[in-house]
């Protein structure tokens, strides 16, 4: 048992192994301090990439990126959980326009191009 996370695996001679998650332990894991650090670091990486890809006319948009760590309530089938999250934000007055309407001009869709799957 590491950091309060434990899963029971039961195996009988005629059946395949089963995994029974420990909901309490998983809940502790996804809302832990270490998970918060990992989410914040991932958001910082995305922020750095967004800054590098951002258009630079006045520099306001590029300078307005930030990271906000927090907690989010996630409804799941088994048990709703509170999880560690981190958001990449931009506080420039024109950021909403750039991110919402820039899909027509892929070079300008800074956060969207970094967070959506490419396929």
C-alpha atoms as a PDB file:
ATOM      1  CA  UNK A   1       0.000   0.000   0.000  1.00  0.00           C
ATOM      2  CA  UNK A   2       1.580   3.277  -1.157  1.00  0.00           C
ATOM      3  CA  UNK A   3       0.191   6.664  -0.135  1.00  0.00           C
ATOM      4  CA  UNK A   4      -3.084   5.100   1.043  1.00  0.00           C
ATOM      5  CA  UNK A   5      -3.880   3.493  -2.338  1.00  0.00           C
ATOM      6  CA  UNK A   6      -4.713  -0.189  -2.392  1.00  0.00           C
ATOM      7  CA  UNK A   7      -6.461  -2.410  -4.865  1.00  0.00           C
ATOM      8  CA  UNK A   8      -7.590  -5.959  -4.200  1.00  0.00           C
ATOM      9  CA  UNK A   9      -6.930  -8.537  -6.867  1.00  0.00           C
ATOM     10  CA  UNK A  10      -8.754 -11.789  -6.318  1.00  0.00           C
ATOM     11  CA  UNK A  11      -8.049 -14.877  -8.390  1.00  0.00           C
ATOM     12  CA  UNK A  12      -9.729 -18.228  -8.178  1.00  0.00           C
ATOM     13  CA  UNK A  13      -8.457 -21.342  -9.973  1.00  0.00           C
ATOM     14  CA  UNK A  14     -11.139 -21.244 -12.704  1.00  0.00           C
ATOM     15  CA  UNK A  15     -11.502 -17.493 -13.244  1.00  0.00           C
ATOM     16  CA  UNK A  16      -9.412 -14.672 -14.615  1.00  0.00           C
ATOM     17  CA  UNK A  17      -8.002 -12.044 -12.239  1.00  0.00           C
ATOM     18  CA  UNK A  18     -10.393  -9.266 -11.186  1.00  0.00           C
ATOM     19  CA  UNK A  19      -9.484  -5.767 -10.182  1.00  0.00           C
ATOM     20  CA  UNK A  20     -11.579  -4.165  -7.452  1.00  0.00           C
ATOM     21  CA  UNK A  21     -10.566  -0.527  -7.002  1.00  0.00           C
ATOM     22  CA  UNK A  22     -10.308   1.007  -3.587  1.00  0.00           C
ATOM     23  CA  UNK A  23     -12.428   4.128  -4.152  1.00  0.00           C
ATOM     24  CA  UNK A  24     -11.201   5.861  -1.026  1.00  0.00           C
ATOM     25  CA  UNK A  25      -7.556   5.327  -1.962  1.00  0.00           C
ATOM     26  CA  UNK A  26      -8.076   6.426  -5.559  1.00  0.00           C
ATOM     27  CA  UNK A  27      -9.913   9.508  -4.338  1.00  0.00           C
ATOM     28  CA  UNK A  28      -6.975  10.359  -2.098  1.00  0.00           C
ATOM     29  CA  UNK A  29      -4.579   9.843  -5.013  1.00  0.00           C
ATOM     30  CA  UNK A  30      -6.386  12.093  -7.532  1.00  0.00           C
ATOM     31  CA  UNK A  31      -6.749  14.923  -5.011  1.00  0.00           C
ATOM     32  CA  UNK A  32      -3.316  14.601  -3.390  1.00  0.00           C
ATOM     33  CA  UNK A  33      -0.594  17.248  -3.154  1.00  0.00           C
ATOM     34  CA  UNK A  34       1.624  15.255  -5.541  1.00  0.00           C
ATOM     35  CA  UNK A  35      -1.155  15.072  -8.132  1.00  0.00           C
ATOM     36  CA  UNK A  36      -1.672  18.834  -7.757  1.00  0.00           C
ATOM     37  CA  UNK A  37       2.039  19.349  -8.432  1.00  0.00           C
ATOM     38  CA  UNK A  38       1.866  17.129 -11.535  1.00  0.00           C
ATOM     39  CA  UNK A  39      -1.211  18.953 -12.890  1.00  0.00           C
ATOM     40  CA  UNK A  40       0.386  22.338 -12.245  1.00  0.00           C
ATOM     41  CA  UNK A  41       3.603  21.276 -13.986  1.00  0.00           C
ATOM     42  CA  UNK A  42       1.635  20.019 -17.003  1.00  0.00           C
ATOM     43  CA  UNK A  43      -0.247  23.338 -17.156  1.00  0.00           C
ATOM     44  CA  UNK A  44       3.037  25.264 -16.927  1.00  0.00           C
ATOM     45  CA  UNK A  45       4.357  23.251 -19.885  1.00  0.00           C
ATOM     46  CA  UNK A  46       1.233  24.072 -21.927  1.00  0.00           C
ATOM     47  CA  UNK A  47       1.515  27.737 -20.891  1.00  0.00           C
ATOM     48  CA  UNK A  48       5.139  27.862 -22.062  1.00  0.00           C
ATOM     49  CA  UNK A  49       4.185  26.333 -25.417  1.00  0.00           C
ATOM     50  CA  UNK A  50       1.279  28.767 -25.763  1.00  0.00           C
ATOM     51  CA  UNK A  51       3.587  31.709 -25.079  1.00  0.00           C
ATOM     52  CA  UNK A  52       6.017  30.455 -27.718  1.00  0.00           C
ATOM     53  CA  UNK A  53       3.223  30.026 -30.297  1.00  0.00           C
ATOM     54  CA  UNK A  54       1.307  33.227 -29.488  1.00  0.00           C
ATOM     55  CA  UNK A  55       1.119  36.054 -32.005  1.00  0.00           C
ATOM     56  CA  UNK A  56       3.058  39.114 -30.961  1.00  0.00           C
ATOM     57  CA  UNK A  57       1.575  42.310 -32.242  1.00  0.00           C
ATOM     58  CA  UNK A  58       1.433  44.344 -29.056  1.00  0.00           C
ATOM     59  CA  UNK A  59       2.674  41.598 -26.712  1.00  0.00           C
ATOM     60  CA  UNK A  60      -0.395  41.884 -24.462  1.00  0.00           C
ATOM     61  CA  UNK A  61      -1.768  38.451 -25.356  1.00  0.00           C
ATOM     62  CA  UNK A  62       1.585  36.742 -24.965  1.00  0.00           C
ATOM     63  CA  UNK A  63       2.227  38.338 -21.553  1.00  0.00           C
ATOM     64  CA  UNK A  64      -1.250  37.484 -20.224  1.00  0.00           C
ATOM     65  CA  UNK A  65      -0.924  33.684 -19.910  1.00  0.00           C
ATOM     66  CA  UNK A  66      -1.121  32.227 -16.424  1.00  0.00           C
ATOM     67  CA  UNK A  67      -1.732  28.986 -14.537  1.00  0.00           C
ATOM     68  CA  UNK A  68      -4.386  28.503 -11.855  1.00  0.00           C
ATOM     69  CA  UNK A  69      -4.196  25.317  -9.750  1.00  0.00           C
ATOM     70  CA  UNK A  70      -7.414  24.155  -8.147  1.00  0.00           C
ATOM     71  CA  UNK A  71      -9.845  21.338  -7.432  1.00  0.00           C
ATOM     72  CA  UNK A  72     -12.698  20.123  -9.642  1.00  0.00           C
ATOM     73  CA  UNK A  73     -15.754  18.054  -8.818  1.00  0.00           C
ATOM     74  CA  UNK A  74     -15.901  15.171 -11.301  1.00  0.00           C
ATOM     75  CA  UNK A  75     -19.137  13.152 -11.441  1.00  0.00           C
ATOM     76  CA  UNK A  76     -18.338   9.518 -12.221  1.00  0.00           C
ATOM     77  CA  UNK A  77     -20.487   6.407 -12.496  1.00  0.00           C
ATOM     78  CA  UNK A  78     -19.264   4.821  -9.299  1.00  0.00           C
ATOM     79  CA  UNK A  79     -18.390   7.655  -6.938  1.00  0.00           C
ATOM     80  CA  UNK A  80     -18.121  11.378  -7.705  1.00  0.00           C
ATOM     81  CA  UNK A  81     -14.683  12.685  -6.831  1.00  0.00           C
ATOM     82  CA  UNK A  82     -12.862  15.920  -6.208  1.00  0.00           C
ATOM     83  CA  UNK A  83      -9.682  15.958  -8.286  1.00  0.00           C
ATOM     84  CA  UNK A  84      -6.622  18.136  -8.548  1.00  0.00           C
ATOM     85  CA  UNK A  85      -6.608  20.281 -11.678  1.00  0.00           C
ATOM     86  CA  UNK A  86      -4.725  23.230 -13.152  1.00  0.00           C
ATOM     87  CA  UNK A  87      -6.036  25.667 -15.748  1.00  0.00           C
ATOM     88  CA  UNK A  88      -4.086  27.650 -18.334  1.00  0.00           C
ATOM     89  CA  UNK A  89      -5.675  31.092 -18.550  1.00  0.00           C
ATOM     90  CA  UNK A  90      -5.217  34.270 -20.515  1.00  0.00           C
ATOM     91  CA  UNK A  91      -6.458  37.575 -19.161  1.00  0.00           C
ATOM     92  CA  UNK A  92      -5.887  39.718 -22.267  1.00  0.00           C
ATOM     93  CA  UNK A  93      -9.072  41.578 -23.284  1.00  0.00           C
ATOM     94  CA  UNK A  94      -8.953  40.050 -26.769  1.00  0.00           C
ATOM     95  CA  UNK A  95      -8.049  36.485 -25.673  1.00  0.00           C
ATOM     96  CA  UNK A  96     -11.664  35.271 -25.970  1.00  0.00           C
ATOM     97  CA  UNK A  97     -11.813  36.437 -29.582  1.00  0.00           C
ATOM     98  CA  UNK A  98      -8.472  34.864 -30.464  1.00  0.00           C
ATOM     99  CA  UNK A  99      -9.324  31.502 -28.929  1.00  0.00           C
ATOM    100  CA  UNK A 100     -13.015  31.307 -29.858  1.00  0.00           C
ATOM    101  CA  UNK A 101     -12.930  32.632 -33.400  1.00  0.00           C
ATOM    102  CA  UNK A 102      -9.410  31.894 -34.542  1.00  0.00           C
ATOM    103  CA  UNK A 103     -10.254  28.386 -35.769  1.00  0.00           C
ATOM    104  CA  UNK A 104     -10.562  30.018 -39.190  1.00  0.00           C
ATOM    105  CA  UNK A 105      -6.901  30.993 -38.930  1.00  0.00           C
ATOM    106  CA  UNK A 106      -5.057  28.024 -37.432  1.00  0.00           C
ATOM    107  CA  UNK A 107      -1.881  30.024 -36.847  1.00  0.00           C
ATOM    108  CA  UNK A 108      -3.741  32.207 -34.328  1.00  0.00           C
ATOM    109  CA  UNK A 109      -5.522  29.473 -32.361  1.00  0.00           C
ATOM    110  CA  UNK A 110      -2.816  29.279 -29.715  1.00  0.00           C
ATOM    111  CA  UNK A 111      -4.318  27.360 -26.777  1.00  0.00           C
ATOM    112  CA  UNK A 112      -6.745  25.379 -28.925  1.00  0.00           C
ATOM    113  CA  UNK A 113      -3.997  24.040 -31.152  1.00  0.00           C
ATOM    114  CA  UNK A 114      -1.975  22.911 -28.143  1.00  0.00           C
ATOM    115  CA  UNK A 115      -4.795  21.205 -26.272  1.00  0.00           C
ATOM    116  CA  UNK A 116      -6.771  19.448 -29.009  1.00  0.00           C
ATOM    117  CA  UNK A 117      -5.737  16.111 -30.464  1.00  0.00           C
ATOM    118  CA  UNK A 118      -4.146  16.312 -33.846  1.00  0.00           C
ATOM    119  CA  UNK A 119      -5.413  13.775 -36.297  1.00  0.00           C
END
